Structure formats: C-alpha cells, structure tokens
Full PDB file with SEQRES, HELIX, SHEET, SSBOND, CRYST1, ORIGX, SCALE, CONECT and MASTER records, all heavy atoms in Angstrom:
SEQRES   1 A   40  GLY LEU LEU VAL MET CYS SER ILE LEU PHE THR LEU ILE          
SEQRES   2 A   40  LEU SER ILE ALA ILE ILE VAL GLU ARG VAL ILE ARG MET          
SEQRES   3 A   40  TRP THR HIS TYR ASP LEU SER ASN SER LYS GLU PHE MET          
SEQRES   4 A   40  GLY                                                          
HELIX    1 AA1 LEU A    2  ILE A   24  1                                  23    
HELIX    2 AA2 ARG A   25  TYR A   30  3                                   6    
HELIX    3 AA3 SER A   35  MET A   39  1                                   5    
CRYST1    1.000    1.000    1.000  90.00  90.00  90.00 P 1           1          
ORIGX1      1.000000  0.000000  0.000000        0.00000                         
ORIGX2      0.000000  1.000000  0.000000        0.00000                         
ORIGX3      0.000000  0.000000  1.000000        0.00000                         
SCALE1      1.000000  0.000000  0.000000        0.00000                         
SCALE2      0.000000  1.000000  0.000000        0.00000                         
SCALE3      0.000000  0.000000  1.000000        0.00000                         
ATOM      1  N   GLY A   1      37.017  37.211  52.600  1.00  0.00           N  
ATOM      2  CA  GLY A   1      37.023  38.362  51.704  1.00  0.00           C  
ATOM      3  C   GLY A   1      35.664  38.501  51.065  1.00  0.00           C  
ATOM      4  O   GLY A   1      35.233  37.639  50.295  1.00  0.00           O  
ATOM      5  N   LEU A   2      34.957  39.567  51.395  1.00  0.00           N  
ATOM      6  CA  LEU A   2      33.553  39.731  50.989  1.00  0.00           C  
ATOM      7  C   LEU A   2      33.386  39.687  49.491  1.00  0.00           C  
ATOM      8  O   LEU A   2      32.455  39.040  48.984  1.00  0.00           O  
ATOM      9  CB  LEU A   2      33.021  41.043  51.591  1.00  0.00           C  
ATOM     10  CG  LEU A   2      31.488  41.152  51.660  1.00  0.00           C  
ATOM     11  CD1 LEU A   2      30.899  40.034  52.476  1.00  0.00           C  
ATOM     12  CD2 LEU A   2      31.100  42.520  52.224  1.00  0.00           C  
ATOM     13  N   LEU A   3      34.232  40.354  48.754  1.00  0.00           N  
ATOM     14  CA  LEU A   3      34.081  40.428  47.287  1.00  0.00           C  
ATOM     15  C   LEU A   3      34.248  39.050  46.656  1.00  0.00           C  
ATOM     16  O   LEU A   3      33.404  38.623  45.828  1.00  0.00           O  
ATOM     17  CB  LEU A   3      35.114  41.396  46.699  1.00  0.00           C  
ATOM     18  CG  LEU A   3      35.094  41.532  45.185  1.00  0.00           C  
ATOM     19  CD1 LEU A   3      33.754  42.045  44.704  1.00  0.00           C  
ATOM     20  CD2 LEU A   3      36.224  42.445  44.720  1.00  0.00           C  
ATOM     21  N   VAL A   4      35.288  38.344  47.042  1.00  0.00           N  
ATOM     22  CA  VAL A   4      35.547  37.018  46.456  1.00  0.00           C  
ATOM     23  C   VAL A   4      34.474  36.012  46.877  1.00  0.00           C  
ATOM     24  O   VAL A   4      33.961  35.270  46.044  1.00  0.00           O  
ATOM     25  CB  VAL A   4      36.939  36.504  46.882  1.00  0.00           C  
ATOM     26  CG1 VAL A   4      37.116  35.055  46.465  1.00  0.00           C  
ATOM     27  CG2 VAL A   4      38.033  37.358  46.272  1.00  0.00           C  
ATOM     28  N   MET A   5      34.123  36.024  48.131  1.00  0.00           N  
ATOM     29  CA  MET A   5      33.100  35.059  48.644  1.00  0.00           C  
ATOM     30  C   MET A   5      31.738  35.313  48.006  1.00  0.00           C  
ATOM     31  O   MET A   5      31.026  34.366  47.664  1.00  0.00           O  
ATOM     32  CB  MET A   5      33.014  35.176  50.153  1.00  0.00           C  
ATOM     33  CG  MET A   5      34.275  34.738  50.885  1.00  0.00           C  
ATOM     34  SD  MET A   5      34.628  32.970  50.721  1.00  0.00           S  
ATOM     35  CE  MET A   5      33.446  32.299  51.891  1.00  0.00           C  
ATOM     36  N   CYS A   6      31.348  36.585  47.828  1.00  0.00           N  
ATOM     37  CA  CYS A   6      30.077  36.890  47.181  1.00  0.00           C  
ATOM     38  C   CYS A   6      30.096  36.485  45.693  1.00  0.00           C  
ATOM     39  O   CYS A   6      29.085  36.002  45.173  1.00  0.00           O  
ATOM     40  CB  CYS A   6      29.748  38.380  47.282  1.00  0.00           C  
ATOM     41  SG  CYS A   6      29.258  38.883  48.939  1.00  0.00           S  
ATOM     42  N   SER A   7      31.251  36.621  45.059  1.00  0.00           N  
ATOM     43  CA  SER A   7      31.381  36.192  43.670  1.00  0.00           C  
ATOM     44  C   SER A   7      31.233  34.681  43.544  1.00  0.00           C  
ATOM     45  O   SER A   7      30.555  34.170  42.632  1.00  0.00           O  
ATOM     46  CB  SER A   7      32.740  36.615  43.104  1.00  0.00           C  
ATOM     47  OG  SER A   7      32.871  38.010  43.143  1.00  0.00           O  
ATOM     48  N   ILE A   8      31.855  33.937  44.459  1.00  0.00           N  
ATOM     49  CA  ILE A   8      31.703  32.476  44.455  1.00  0.00           C  
ATOM     50  C   ILE A   8      30.273  32.068  44.778  1.00  0.00           C  
ATOM     51  O   ILE A   8      29.726  31.153  44.148  1.00  0.00           O  
ATOM     52  CB  ILE A   8      32.669  31.839  45.465  1.00  0.00           C  
ATOM     53  CG1 ILE A   8      34.118  32.140  45.079  1.00  0.00           C  
ATOM     54  CG2 ILE A   8      32.471  30.311  45.524  1.00  0.00           C  
ATOM     55  CD1 ILE A   8      35.131  31.680  46.103  1.00  0.00           C  
ATOM     56  N   LEU A   9      29.641  32.790  45.700  1.00  0.00           N  
ATOM     57  CA  LEU A   9      28.247  32.515  46.032  1.00  0.00           C  
ATOM     58  C   LEU A   9      27.341  32.729  44.836  1.00  0.00           C  
ATOM     59  O   LEU A   9      26.437  31.910  44.569  1.00  0.00           O  
ATOM     60  CB  LEU A   9      27.787  33.402  47.211  1.00  0.00           C  
ATOM     61  CG  LEU A   9      26.329  33.217  47.644  1.00  0.00           C  
ATOM     62  CD1 LEU A   9      26.075  31.793  48.151  1.00  0.00           C  
ATOM     63  CD2 LEU A   9      25.967  34.244  48.722  1.00  0.00           C  
ATOM     64  N   PHE A  10      27.574  33.800  44.083  1.00  0.00           N  
ATOM     65  CA  PHE A  10      26.791  34.042  42.876  1.00  0.00           C  
ATOM     66  C   PHE A  10      26.976  32.895  41.888  1.00  0.00           C  
ATOM     67  O   PHE A  10      26.005  32.439  41.243  1.00  0.00           O  
ATOM     68  CB  PHE A  10      27.209  35.372  42.246  1.00  0.00           C  
ATOM     69  CG  PHE A  10      26.546  35.630  40.915  1.00  0.00           C  
ATOM     70  CD1 PHE A  10      25.234  36.066  40.857  1.00  0.00           C  
ATOM     71  CD2 PHE A  10      27.248  35.428  39.743  1.00  0.00           C  
ATOM     72  CE1 PHE A  10      24.618  36.287  39.604  1.00  0.00           C  
ATOM     73  CE2 PHE A  10      26.644  35.668  38.501  1.00  0.00           C  
ATOM     74  CZ  PHE A  10      25.325  36.102  38.456  1.00  0.00           C  
ATOM     75  N   THR A  11      28.214  32.439  41.731  1.00  0.00           N  
ATOM     76  CA  THR A  11      28.494  31.318  40.846  1.00  0.00           C  
ATOM     77  C   THR A  11      27.754  30.066  41.297  1.00  0.00           C  
ATOM     78  O   THR A  11      27.228  29.310  40.467  1.00  0.00           O  
ATOM     79  CB  THR A  11      30.012  31.046  40.795  1.00  0.00           C  
ATOM     80  OG1 THR A  11      30.704  32.234  40.418  1.00  0.00           O  
ATOM     81  CG2 THR A  11      30.351  29.952  39.800  1.00  0.00           C  
ATOM     82  N   LEU A  12      27.741  29.836  42.599  1.00  0.00           N  
ATOM     83  CA  LEU A  12      27.057  28.669  43.152  1.00  0.00           C  
ATOM     84  C   LEU A  12      25.562  28.753  42.910  1.00  0.00           C  
ATOM     85  O   LEU A  12      24.921  27.763  42.503  1.00  0.00           O  
ATOM     86  CB  LEU A  12      27.344  28.573  44.650  1.00  0.00           C  
ATOM     87  CG  LEU A  12      26.626  27.444  45.400  1.00  0.00           C  
ATOM     88  CD1 LEU A  12      27.032  26.081  44.825  1.00  0.00           C  
ATOM     89  CD2 LEU A  12      26.956  27.502  46.904  1.00  0.00           C  
ATOM     90  N   ILE A  13      24.966  29.924  43.144  1.00  0.00           N  
ATOM     91  CA  ILE A  13      23.514  30.068  42.930  1.00  0.00           C  
ATOM     92  C   ILE A  13      23.146  29.871  41.457  1.00  0.00           C  
ATOM     93  O   ILE A  13      22.163  29.197  41.139  1.00  0.00           O  
ATOM     94  CB  ILE A  13      23.063  31.463  43.409  1.00  0.00           C  
ATOM     95  CG1 ILE A  13      23.192  31.587  44.926  1.00  0.00           C  
ATOM     96  CG2 ILE A  13      21.627  31.758  43.001  1.00  0.00           C  
ATOM     97  CD1 ILE A  13      22.969  32.970  45.488  1.00  0.00           C  
ATOM     98  N   LEU A  14      23.969  30.425  40.579  1.00  0.00           N  
ATOM     99  CA  LEU A  14      23.731  30.249  39.151  1.00  0.00           C  
ATOM    100  C   LEU A  14      23.826  28.785  38.744  1.00  0.00           C  
ATOM    101  O   LEU A  14      22.987  28.264  37.994  1.00  0.00           O  
ATOM    102  CB  LEU A  14      24.758  31.062  38.356  1.00  0.00           C  
ATOM    103  CG  LEU A  14      24.727  30.912  36.831  1.00  0.00           C  
ATOM    104  CD1 LEU A  14      23.386  31.391  36.245  1.00  0.00           C  
ATOM    105  CD2 LEU A  14      25.869  31.684  36.175  1.00  0.00           C  
ATOM    106  N   SER A  15      24.800  28.092  39.317  1.00  0.00           N  
ATOM    107  CA  SER A  15      24.999  26.659  39.016  1.00  0.00           C  
ATOM    108  C   SER A  15      23.825  25.824  39.524  1.00  0.00           C  
ATOM    109  O   SER A  15      23.341  24.950  38.831  1.00  0.00           O  
ATOM    110  CB  SER A  15      26.293  26.153  39.636  1.00  0.00           C  
ATOM    111  OG  SER A  15      27.413  26.879  39.125  1.00  0.00           O  
ATOM    112  N   ILE A  16      23.358  26.114  40.726  1.00  0.00           N  
ATOM    113  CA  ILE A  16      22.240  25.387  41.292  1.00  0.00           C  
ATOM    114  C   ILE A  16      20.988  25.601  40.456  1.00  0.00           C  
ATOM    115  O   ILE A  16      20.195  24.668  40.227  1.00  0.00           O  
ATOM    116  CB  ILE A  16      22.016  25.776  42.760  1.00  0.00           C  
ATOM    117  CG1 ILE A  16      23.161  25.263  43.633  1.00  0.00           C  
ATOM    118  CG2 ILE A  16      20.671  25.256  43.261  1.00  0.00           C  
ATOM    119  CD1 ILE A  16      23.099  25.732  45.067  1.00  0.00           C  
ATOM    120  N   ALA A  17      20.789  26.845  39.984  1.00  0.00           N  
ATOM    121  CA  ALA A  17      19.617  27.135  39.128  1.00  0.00           C  
ATOM    122  C   ALA A  17      19.677  26.297  37.857  1.00  0.00           C  
ATOM    123  O   ALA A  17      18.653  25.749  37.412  1.00  0.00           O  
ATOM    124  CB  ALA A  17      19.576  28.621  38.806  1.00  0.00           C  
ATOM    125  N   ILE A  18      20.855  26.210  37.259  1.00  0.00           N  
ATOM    126  CA  ILE A  18      21.017  25.410  36.024  1.00  0.00           C  
ATOM    127  C   ILE A  18      20.775  23.931  36.318  1.00  0.00           C  
ATOM    128  O   ILE A  18      20.083  23.242  35.557  1.00  0.00           O  
ATOM    129  CB  ILE A  18      22.439  25.619  35.448  1.00  0.00           C  
ATOM    130  CG1 ILE A  18      22.620  27.036  34.934  1.00  0.00           C  
ATOM    131  CG2 ILE A  18      22.699  24.602  34.300  1.00  0.00           C  
ATOM    132  CD1 ILE A  18      24.055  27.363  34.566  1.00  0.00           C  
ATOM    133  N   ILE A  19      21.326  23.435  37.432  1.00  0.00           N  
ATOM    134  CA  ILE A  19      21.176  22.035  37.790  1.00  0.00           C  
ATOM    135  C   ILE A  19      19.722  21.678  38.004  1.00  0.00           C  
ATOM    136  O   ILE A  19      19.221  20.658  37.482  1.00  0.00           O  
ATOM    137  CB  ILE A  19      22.007  21.719  39.061  1.00  0.00           C  
ATOM    138  CG1 ILE A  19      23.507  21.832  38.760  1.00  0.00           C  
ATOM    139  CG2 ILE A  19      21.671  20.333  39.582  1.00  0.00           C  
ATOM    140  CD1 ILE A  19      24.379  21.850  39.992  1.00  0.00           C  
ATOM    141  N   VAL A  20      19.002  22.486  38.767  1.00  0.00           N  
ATOM    142  CA  VAL A  20      17.598  22.222  39.061  1.00  0.00           C  
ATOM    143  C   VAL A  20      16.755  22.222  37.770  1.00  0.00           C  
ATOM    144  O   VAL A  20      15.935  21.317  37.567  1.00  0.00           O  
ATOM    145  CB  VAL A  20      17.031  23.253  40.059  1.00  0.00           C  
ATOM    146  CG1 VAL A  20      15.520  23.116  40.200  1.00  0.00           C  
ATOM    147  CG2 VAL A  20      17.694  23.090  41.424  1.00  0.00           C  
ATOM    148  N   GLU A  21      16.985  23.201  36.921  1.00  0.00           N  
ATOM    149  CA  GLU A  21      16.217  23.301  35.667  1.00  0.00           C  
ATOM    150  C   GLU A  21      16.510  22.097  34.775  1.00  0.00           C  
ATOM    151  O   GLU A  21      15.581  21.480  34.214  1.00  0.00           O  
ATOM    152  CB  GLU A  21      16.614  24.592  34.965  1.00  0.00           C  
ATOM    153  CG  GLU A  21      15.800  24.899  33.710  1.00  0.00           C  
ATOM    154  CD  GLU A  21      16.356  24.318  32.424  1.00  0.00           C  
ATOM    155  OE1 GLU A  21      17.587  23.996  32.401  1.00  0.00           O  
ATOM    156  OE2 GLU A  21      15.609  24.140  31.439  1.00  0.00           O  
ATOM    157  N   ARG A  22      17.782  21.692  34.668  1.00  0.00           N  
ATOM    158  CA  ARG A  22      18.139  20.562  33.825  1.00  0.00           C  
ATOM    159  C   ARG A  22      17.613  19.240  34.388  1.00  0.00           C  
ATOM    160  O   ARG A  22      17.160  18.386  33.623  1.00  0.00           O  
ATOM    161  CB  ARG A  22      19.663  20.458  33.686  1.00  0.00           C  
ATOM    162  CG  ARG A  22      20.299  21.553  32.823  1.00  0.00           C  
ATOM    163  CD  ARG A  22      20.017  21.357  31.357  1.00  0.00           C  
ATOM    164  NE  ARG A  22      18.761  21.930  30.925  1.00  0.00           N  
ATOM    165  CZ  ARG A  22      18.156  21.669  29.771  1.00  0.00           C  
ATOM    166  NH1 ARG A  22      18.701  20.805  28.918  1.00  0.00           N  
ATOM    167  NH2 ARG A  22      17.037  22.233  29.451  1.00  0.00           N  
ATOM    168  N   VAL A  23      17.673  19.063  35.674  1.00  0.00           N  
ATOM    169  CA  VAL A  23      17.163  17.826  36.293  1.00  0.00           C  
ATOM    170  C   VAL A  23      15.671  17.701  36.045  1.00  0.00           C  
ATOM    171  O   VAL A  23      15.188  16.631  35.656  1.00  0.00           O  
ATOM    172  CB  VAL A  23      17.467  17.806  37.805  1.00  0.00           C  
ATOM    173  CG1 VAL A  23      16.674  16.717  38.498  1.00  0.00           C  
ATOM    174  CG2 VAL A  23      18.966  17.595  38.045  1.00  0.00           C  
ATOM    175  N   ILE A  24      14.927  18.784  36.236  1.00  0.00           N  
ATOM    176  CA  ILE A  24      13.476  18.749  36.014  1.00  0.00           C  
ATOM    177  C   ILE A  24      13.175  18.429  34.570  1.00  0.00           C  
ATOM    178  O   ILE A  24      12.323  17.590  34.260  1.00  0.00           O  
ATOM    179  CB  ILE A  24      12.837  20.090  36.440  1.00  0.00           C  
ATOM    180  CG1 ILE A  24      12.932  20.287  37.954  1.00  0.00           C  
ATOM    181  CG2 ILE A  24      11.378  20.156  35.976  1.00  0.00           C  
ATOM    182  CD1 ILE A  24      12.484  21.621  38.446  1.00  0.00           C  
ATOM    183  N   ARG A  25      13.861  19.105  33.665  1.00  0.00           N  
ATOM    184  CA  ARG A  25      13.632  18.887  32.233  1.00  0.00           C  
ATOM    185  C   ARG A  25      13.969  17.474  31.809  1.00  0.00           C  
ATOM    186  O   ARG A  25      13.164  16.798  31.131  1.00  0.00           O  
ATOM    187  CB  ARG A  25      14.462  19.890  31.420  1.00  0.00           C  
ATOM    188  CG  ARG A  25      14.071  21.329  31.592  1.00  0.00           C  
ATOM    189  CD  ARG A  25      12.832  21.666  30.804  1.00  0.00           C  
ATOM    190  NE  ARG A  25      12.541  23.093  30.860  1.00  0.00           N  
ATOM    191  CZ  ARG A  25      11.486  23.662  30.311  1.00  0.00           C  
ATOM    192  NH1 ARG A  25      10.611  22.917  29.645  1.00  0.00           N  
ATOM    193  NH2 ARG A  25      11.269  24.957  30.429  1.00  0.00           N  
ATOM    194  N   MET A  26      15.171  17.031  32.165  1.00  0.00           N  
ATOM    195  CA  MET A  26      15.632  15.728  31.681  1.00  0.00           C  
ATOM    196  C   MET A  26      14.898  14.538  32.283  1.00  0.00           C  
ATOM    197  O   MET A  26      14.605  13.566  31.619  1.00  0.00           O  
ATOM    198  CB  MET A  26      17.142  15.597  31.887  1.00  0.00           C  
ATOM    199  CG  MET A  26      17.961  16.487  31.012  1.00  0.00           C  
ATOM    200  SD  MET A  26      19.726  16.053  31.092  1.00  0.00           S  
ATOM    201  CE  MET A  26      20.440  17.342  30.070  1.00  0.00           C  
ATOM    202  N   TRP A  27      14.612  14.608  33.552  1.00  0.00           N  
ATOM    203  CA  TRP A  27      13.993  13.453  34.235  1.00  0.00           C  
ATOM    204  C   TRP A  27      12.486  13.436  34.149  1.00  0.00           C  
ATOM    205  O   TRP A  27      11.901  12.361  34.173  1.00  0.00           O  
ATOM    206  CB  TRP A  27      14.442  13.401  35.681  1.00  0.00           C  
ATOM    207  CG  TRP A  27      15.670  12.581  35.914  1.00  0.00           C  
ATOM    208  CD1 TRP A  27      15.724  11.244  36.233  1.00  0.00           C  
ATOM    209  CD2 TRP A  27      17.043  12.994  35.801  1.00  0.00           C  
ATOM    210  NE1 TRP A  27      17.033  10.837  36.341  1.00  0.00           N  
ATOM    211  CE2 TRP A  27      17.859  11.891  36.056  1.00  0.00           C  
ATOM    212  CE3 TRP A  27      17.636  14.222  35.475  1.00  0.00           C  
ATOM    213  CZ2 TRP A  27      19.245  11.960  36.070  1.00  0.00           C  
ATOM    214  CZ3 TRP A  27      19.024  14.305  35.466  1.00  0.00           C  
ATOM    215  CH2 TRP A  27      19.799  13.199  35.756  1.00  0.00           C  
ATOM    216  N   THR A  28      11.832  14.585  34.055  1.00  0.00           N  
ATOM    217  CA  THR A  28      10.364  14.606  34.090  1.00  0.00           C  
ATOM    218  C   THR A  28       9.726  15.028  32.770  1.00  0.00           C  
ATOM    219  O   THR A  28       8.522  14.805  32.592  1.00  0.00           O  
ATOM    220  CB  THR A  28       9.854  15.517  35.218  1.00  0.00           C  
ATOM    221  OG1 THR A  28      10.213  16.892  34.924  1.00  0.00           O  
ATOM    222  CG2 THR A  28      10.446  15.143  36.553  1.00  0.00           C  
ATOM    223  N   HIS A  29      10.491  15.664  31.879  1.00  0.00           N  
ATOM    224  CA  HIS A  29       9.922  16.151  30.608  1.00  0.00           C  
ATOM    225  C   HIS A  29      10.466  15.394  29.397  1.00  0.00           C  
ATOM    226  O   HIS A  29       9.688  14.840  28.627  1.00  0.00           O  
ATOM    227  CB  HIS A  29      10.174  17.659  30.431  1.00  0.00           C  
ATOM    228  CG  HIS A  29       9.400  18.507  31.368  1.00  0.00           C  
ATOM    229  ND1 HIS A  29       9.710  18.646  32.708  1.00  0.00           N  
ATOM    230  CD2 HIS A  29       8.299  19.296  31.190  1.00  0.00           C  
ATOM    231  CE1 HIS A  29       8.853  19.457  33.294  1.00  0.00           C  
ATOM    232  NE2 HIS A  29       7.999  19.866  32.402  1.00  0.00           N  
ATOM    233  N   TYR A  30      11.781  15.407  29.231  1.00  0.00           N  
ATOM    234  CA  TYR A  30      12.378  14.903  28.000  1.00  0.00           C  
ATOM    235  C   TYR A  30      12.505  13.386  27.973  1.00  0.00           C  
ATOM    236  O   TYR A  30      12.378  12.782  26.908  1.00  0.00           O  
ATOM    237  CB  TYR A  30      13.776  15.508  27.821  1.00  0.00           C  
ATOM    238  CG  TYR A  30      13.775  17.006  27.671  1.00  0.00           C  
ATOM    239  CD1 TYR A  30      14.893  17.773  28.017  1.00  0.00           C  
ATOM    240  CD2 TYR A  30      12.659  17.698  27.191  1.00  0.00           C  
ATOM    241  CE1 TYR A  30      14.906  19.157  27.868  1.00  0.00           C  
ATOM    242  CE2 TYR A  30      12.644  19.067  27.042  1.00  0.00           C  
ATOM    243  CZ  TYR A  30      13.779  19.803  27.395  1.00  0.00           C  
ATOM    244  OH  TYR A  30      13.780  21.162  27.252  1.00  0.00           O  
ATOM    245  N   ASP A  31      12.775  12.751  29.112  1.00  0.00           N  
ATOM    246  CA  ASP A  31      13.035  11.329  29.115  1.00  0.00           C  
ATOM    247  C   ASP A  31      11.738  10.517  29.058  1.00  0.00           C  
ATOM    248  O   ASP A  31      10.689  10.974  29.554  1.00  0.00           O  
ATOM    249  CB  ASP A  31      13.795  10.929  30.394  1.00  0.00           C  
ATOM    250  CG  ASP A  31      14.307   9.494  30.330  1.00  0.00           C  
ATOM    251  OD1 ASP A  31      14.556   8.996  29.206  1.00  0.00           O  
ATOM    252  OD2 ASP A  31      14.448   8.872  31.395  1.00  0.00           O  
ATOM    253  N   LEU A  32      11.795   9.353  28.474  1.00  0.00           N  
ATOM    254  CA  LEU A  32      10.651   8.433  28.432  1.00  0.00           C  
ATOM    255  C   LEU A  32      11.131   7.131  29.044  1.00  0.00           C  
ATOM    256  O   LEU A  32      11.793   6.326  28.385  1.00  0.00           O  
ATOM    257  CB  LEU A  32      10.180   8.227  26.983  1.00  0.00           C  
ATOM    258  CG  LEU A  32       8.854   7.437  26.818  1.00  0.00           C  
ATOM    259  CD1 LEU A  32       7.685   8.167  27.455  1.00  0.00           C  
ATOM    260  CD2 LEU A  32       8.587   7.200  25.345  1.00  0.00           C  
ATOM    261  N   SER A  33      10.784   6.915  30.310  1.00  0.00           N  
ATOM    262  CA  SER A  33      11.304   5.752  31.049  1.00  0.00           C  
ATOM    263  C   SER A  33      10.782   4.425  30.466  1.00  0.00           C  
ATOM    264  O   SER A  33      11.517   3.441  30.527  1.00  0.00           O  
ATOM    265  CB  SER A  33      10.902   5.878  32.521  1.00  0.00           C  
ATOM    266  OG  SER A  33       9.510   5.966  32.659  1.00  0.00           O  
ATOM    267  N   ASN A  34       9.581   4.429  29.934  1.00  0.00           N  
ATOM    268  CA  ASN A  34       9.030   3.196  29.365  1.00  0.00           C  
ATOM    269  C   ASN A  34       9.130   3.218  27.841  1.00  0.00           C  
ATOM    270  O   ASN A  34       8.147   2.907  27.147  1.00  0.00           O  
ATOM    271  CB  ASN A  34       7.598   2.983  29.826  1.00  0.00           C  
ATOM    272  CG  ASN A  34       6.686   4.147  29.444  1.00  0.00           C  
ATOM    273  OD1 ASN A  34       7.169   5.269  29.195  1.00  0.00           O  
ATOM    274  ND2 ASN A  34       5.389   3.913  29.378  1.00  0.00           N  
ATOM    275  N   SER A  35      10.281   3.561  27.318  1.00  0.00           N  
ATOM    276  CA  SER A  35      10.417   3.705  25.864  1.00  0.00           C  
ATOM    277  C   SER A  35      10.240   2.373  25.128  1.00  0.00           C  
ATOM    278  O   SER A  35       9.687   2.350  24.029  1.00  0.00           O  
ATOM    279  CB  SER A  35      11.815   4.273  25.537  1.00  0.00           C  
ATOM    280  OG  SER A  35      12.840   3.446  26.053  1.00  0.00           O  
ATOM    281  N   LYS A  36      10.648   1.287  25.748  1.00  0.00           N  
ATOM    282  CA  LYS A  36      10.486  -0.032  25.107  1.00  0.00           C  
ATOM    283  C   LYS A  36       9.009  -0.399  24.972  1.00  0.00           C  
ATOM    284  O   LYS A  36       8.575  -0.915  23.943  1.00  0.00           O  
ATOM    285  CB  LYS A  36      11.241  -1.107  25.902  1.00  0.00           C  
ATOM    286  CG  LYS A  36      12.747  -0.975  25.792  1.00  0.00           C  
ATOM    287  CD  LYS A  36      13.447  -2.119  26.504  1.00  0.00           C  
ATOM    288  CE  LYS A  36      14.970  -1.980  26.374  1.00  0.00           C  
ATOM    289  NZ  LYS A  36      15.683  -3.076  27.062  1.00  0.00           N  
ATOM    290  N   GLU A  37       8.238  -0.105  26.032  1.00  0.00           N  
ATOM    291  CA  GLU A  37       6.808  -0.342  25.981  1.00  0.00           C  
ATOM    292  C   GLU A  37       6.141   0.543  24.920  1.00  0.00           C  
ATOM    293  O   GLU A  37       5.261   0.099  24.194  1.00  0.00           O  
ATOM    294  CB  GLU A  37       6.201  -0.069  27.371  1.00  0.00           C  
ATOM    295  CG  GLU A  37       4.701  -0.285  27.436  1.00  0.00           C  
ATOM    296  CD  GLU A  37       4.130   0.074  28.798  1.00  0.00           C  
ATOM    297  OE1 GLU A  37       4.914   0.095  29.769  1.00  0.00           O  
ATOM    298  OE2 GLU A  37       2.927   0.322  28.888  1.00  0.00           O  
ATOM    299  N   PHE A  38       6.591   1.787  24.875  1.00  0.00           N  
ATOM    300  CA  PHE A  38       6.057   2.718  23.874  1.00  0.00           C  
ATOM    301  C   PHE A  38       6.323   2.228  22.472  1.00  0.00           C  
ATOM    302  O   PHE A  38       5.436   2.236  21.611  1.00  0.00           O  
ATOM    303  CB  PHE A  38       6.675   4.089  24.122  1.00  0.00           C  
ATOM    304  CG  PHE A  38       6.513   5.051  22.980  1.00  0.00           C  
ATOM    305  CD1 PHE A  38       5.276   5.654  22.728  1.00  0.00           C  
ATOM    306  CD2 PHE A  38       7.582   5.354  22.129  1.00  0.00           C  
ATOM    307  CE1 PHE A  38       5.110   6.541  21.665  1.00  0.00           C  
ATOM    308  CE2 PHE A  38       7.418   6.224  21.073  1.00  0.00           C  
ATOM    309  CZ  PHE A  38       6.200   6.827  20.834  1.00  0.00           C  
ATOM    310  N   MET A  39       7.571   1.811  22.213  1.00  0.00           N  
ATOM    311  CA  MET A  39       7.910   1.322  20.883  1.00  0.00           C  
ATOM    312  C   MET A  39       7.208   0.031  20.536  1.00  0.00           C  
ATOM    313  O   MET A  39       6.933  -0.271  19.373  1.00  0.00           O  
ATOM    314  CB  MET A  39       9.421   1.167  20.781  1.00  0.00           C  
ATOM    315  CG  MET A  39      10.195   2.460  20.662  1.00  0.00           C  
ATOM    316  SD  MET A  39       9.672   3.507  19.261  1.00  0.00           S  
ATOM    317  CE  MET A  39      10.076   2.478  17.860  1.00  0.00           C  
ATOM    318  N   GLY A  40       6.881  -0.764  21.565  1.00  0.00           N  
ATOM    319  CA  GLY A  40       6.099  -1.977  21.339  1.00  0.00           C  
ATOM    320  C   GLY A  40       4.733  -1.623  20.782  1.00  0.00           C  
ATOM    321  O   GLY A  40       4.210  -2.292  19.869  1.00  0.00           O  
TER     322      GLY A  40                                                      
MASTER        0    0    0    3    0    0    0    6  321    1    0    4          
END                                                                             
C-alpha cells in the first residue's frame, strides 16, 4: 500500500536522522572519555 509504506518510510528517515544526530553529539561532542584523567 503506497500511502502506508511511504508514511512508514518517512517515519524511518526521521528516526535515522535523529539517531545519527544524537550519536554524533553524544559520542563525539558531549562525552568526555578520559574524564578521570581530566579530573585528576
């Protein structure tokens, strides 16, 4: 069903966009992997 499948596809694309943005932000911007060294 073209209408339903396109709606699900839109939902999937939106979700992937959110996932990619959050992964980049959390793992490469917000997180500090060497926090113990920093606090030292």
